[in-house]
C-alpha atoms as a PDB file:
ATOM      1  CA  UNK A   1     -22.300 -17.524  -4.162  1.00  0.00           C
ATOM      2  CA  UNK A   2     -21.714 -14.320  -1.831  1.00  0.00           C
ATOM      3  CA  UNK A   3     -18.543 -13.150  -1.580  1.00  0.00           C
ATOM      4  CA  UNK A   4     -17.911 -11.631   2.284  1.00  0.00           C
ATOM      5  CA  UNK A   5     -14.407 -10.252   1.858  1.00  0.00           C
ATOM      6  CA  UNK A   6     -14.588  -6.004   2.559  1.00  0.00           C
ATOM      7  CA  UNK A   7     -14.670  -4.206  -0.750  1.00  0.00           C
ATOM      8  CA  UNK A   8     -12.284  -1.155   0.541  1.00  0.00           C
ATOM      9  CA  UNK A   9      -8.723  -2.128   1.503  1.00  0.00           C
ATOM     10  CA  UNK A  10      -7.372  -1.237   5.225  1.00  0.00           C
ATOM     11  CA  UNK A  11      -6.734   2.387   6.713  1.00  0.00           C
ATOM     12  CA  UNK A  12      -3.048   1.526   6.391  1.00  0.00           C
ATOM     13  CA  UNK A  13      -1.350  -1.072   4.405  1.00  0.00           C
ATOM     14  CA  UNK A  14       2.705  -2.541   4.865  1.00  0.00           C
ATOM     15  CA  UNK A  15       4.438  -4.718   1.630  1.00  0.00           C
ATOM     16  CA  UNK A  16       6.850  -5.366   4.785  1.00  0.00           C
ATOM     17  CA  UNK A  17       5.829  -8.852   6.678  1.00  0.00           C
ATOM     18  CA  UNK A  18       7.875  -7.918   9.557  1.00  0.00           C
ATOM     19  CA  UNK A  19       5.180  -4.555   9.990  1.00  0.00           C
ATOM     20  CA  UNK A  20       2.490  -4.874  12.308  1.00  0.00           C
ATOM     21  CA  UNK A  21       0.648  -3.461   8.998  1.00  0.00           C
ATOM     22  CA  UNK A  22       1.440  -6.148   7.058  1.00  0.00           C
ATOM     23  CA  UNK A  23      -2.186  -8.341   5.718  1.00  0.00           C
ATOM     24  CA  UNK A  24      -0.612 -10.853   3.790  1.00  0.00           C
ATOM     25  CA  UNK A  25      -4.501 -11.397   2.544  1.00  0.00           C
ATOM     26  CA  UNK A  26      -5.510  -8.052   1.095  1.00  0.00           C
ATOM     27  CA  UNK A  27      -2.009  -8.037  -0.847  1.00  0.00           C
ATOM     28  CA  UNK A  28      -3.097 -11.406  -2.115  1.00  0.00           C
ATOM     29  CA  UNK A  29      -6.298  -9.490  -3.675  1.00  0.00           C
ATOM     30  CA  UNK A  30      -4.563  -6.641  -4.913  1.00  0.00           C
ATOM     31  CA  UNK A  31      -4.313  -3.304  -3.793  1.00  0.00           C
ATOM     32  CA  UNK A  32      -3.719  -0.575  -6.183  1.00  0.00           C
ATOM     33  CA  UNK A  33      -3.019   3.442  -4.542  1.00  0.00           C
ATOM     34  CA  UNK A  34      -3.667   6.019  -6.291  1.00  0.00           C
ATOM     35  CA  UNK A  35      -1.323   9.151  -4.770  1.00  0.00           C
ATOM     36  CA  UNK A  36      -2.539  12.721  -5.429  1.00  0.00           C
ATOM     37  CA  UNK A  37      -4.425  11.618  -8.345  1.00  0.00           C
ATOM     38  CA  UNK A  38      -1.557   9.390  -9.409  1.00  0.00           C
ATOM     39  CA  UNK A  39      -1.754   5.634  -9.990  1.00  0.00           C
ATOM     40  CA  UNK A  40       1.647   4.860  -8.110  1.00  0.00           C
ATOM     41  CA  UNK A  41       3.572   0.825  -8.273  1.00  0.00           C
ATOM     42  CA  UNK A  42       6.129   1.520  -5.919  1.00  0.00           C
ATOM     43  CA  UNK A  43       4.742   1.988  -2.404  1.00  0.00           C
ATOM     44  CA  UNK A  44       5.997   0.325   0.357  1.00  0.00           C
ATOM     45  CA  UNK A  45       3.632   1.146   2.816  1.00  0.00           C
ATOM     46  CA  UNK A  46       0.240   3.957   3.031  1.00  0.00           C
ATOM     47  CA  UNK A  47      -1.921   5.182   5.487  1.00  0.00           C
ATOM     48  CA  UNK A  48      -5.478   7.276   4.167  1.00  0.00           C
ATOM     49  CA  UNK A  49      -6.436   8.679   7.234  1.00  0.00           C
ATOM     50  CA  UNK A  50      -3.222  10.417   8.031  1.00  0.00           C
ATOM     51  CA  UNK A  51      -2.498  10.778   4.560  1.00  0.00           C
ATOM     52  CA  UNK A  52       0.489   9.623   3.834  1.00  0.00           C
ATOM     53  CA  UNK A  53       2.296   6.715   1.188  1.00  0.00           C
ATOM     54  CA  UNK A  54       6.359   5.292   1.779  1.00  0.00           C
ATOM     55  CA  UNK A  55       8.207   4.929  -1.887  1.00  0.00           C
ATOM     56  CA  UNK A  56      10.828   2.588  -2.460  1.00  0.00           C
ATOM     57  CA  UNK A  57      13.415   4.955  -4.178  1.00  0.00           C
ATOM     58  CA  UNK A  58      15.383   2.745  -6.439  1.00  0.00           C
ATOM     59  CA  UNK A  59      17.053  -0.574  -5.888  1.00  0.00           C
ATOM     60  CA  UNK A  60      19.176   0.841  -3.271  1.00  0.00           C
ATOM     61  CA  UNK A  61      18.706  -0.826   0.554  1.00  0.00           C
ATOM     62  CA  UNK A  62      19.843   0.158   3.820  1.00  0.00           C
ATOM     63  CA  UNK A  63      22.289  -1.787   5.999  1.00  0.00           C
ATOM     64  CA  UNK A  64      19.784  -4.469   7.441  1.00  0.00           C
ATOM     65  CA  UNK A  65      18.887  -4.880   3.484  1.00  0.00           C
ATOM     66  CA  UNK A  66      15.508  -3.308   3.790  1.00  0.00           C
ATOM     67  CA  UNK A  67      14.492  -1.014   1.089  1.00  0.00           C
ATOM     68  CA  UNK A  68      15.107   2.877   1.422  1.00  0.00           C
ATOM     69  CA  UNK A  69      11.856   4.712   1.737  1.00  0.00           C
ATOM     70  CA  UNK A  70      10.562   8.266   1.143  1.00  0.00           C
ATOM     71  CA  UNK A  71       7.769   9.584   2.711  1.00  0.00           C
ATOM     72  CA  UNK A  72       5.137  11.649   0.910  1.00  0.00           C
ATOM     73  CA  UNK A  73       1.726  13.587   2.341  1.00  0.00           C
ATOM     74  CA  UNK A  74      -1.212  14.421  -0.282  1.00  0.00           C
ATOM     75  CA  UNK A  75      -4.494  12.186  -0.594  1.00  0.00           C
ATOM     76  CA  UNK A  76      -3.991   8.512  -0.965  1.00  0.00           C
ATOM     77  CA  UNK A  77      -6.732   6.291  -2.608  1.00  0.00           C
ATOM     78  CA  UNK A  78      -6.349   2.533  -2.071  1.00  0.00           C
ATOM     79  CA  UNK A  79      -8.655   0.380  -4.349  1.00  0.00           C
ATOM     80  CA  UNK A  80      -8.538  -3.666  -4.500  1.00  0.00           C
ATOM     81  CA  UNK A  81      -7.895  -4.511  -8.566  1.00  0.00           C
ATOM     82  CA  UNK A  82      -9.729  -7.637  -8.063  1.00  0.00           C
ATOM     83  CA  UNK A  83     -13.009  -5.448  -7.985  1.00  0.00           C
ATOM     84  CA  UNK A  84     -14.279  -3.862 -10.965  1.00  0.00           C
ATOM     85  CA  UNK A  85     -15.111  -0.490 -11.018  1.00  0.00           C
END
């Protein structure tokens, strides 16, 4: 059996279903993100080519119910959690 799924996550990915960068198939596989060499579990969106992540800030939400986020610049290393390194 051959697996035709990609081995690297997309360049840009968002967990928000209303975003144009949302990819349900990639999120089902489980995407982990290392930012500046540290594992992050609160990533809402990332972009490898531009070098930034958008992280959730606590449980606060804006007036539309979206999580409040902060955008940080640095080295972004996404990986699929179902692939053994």
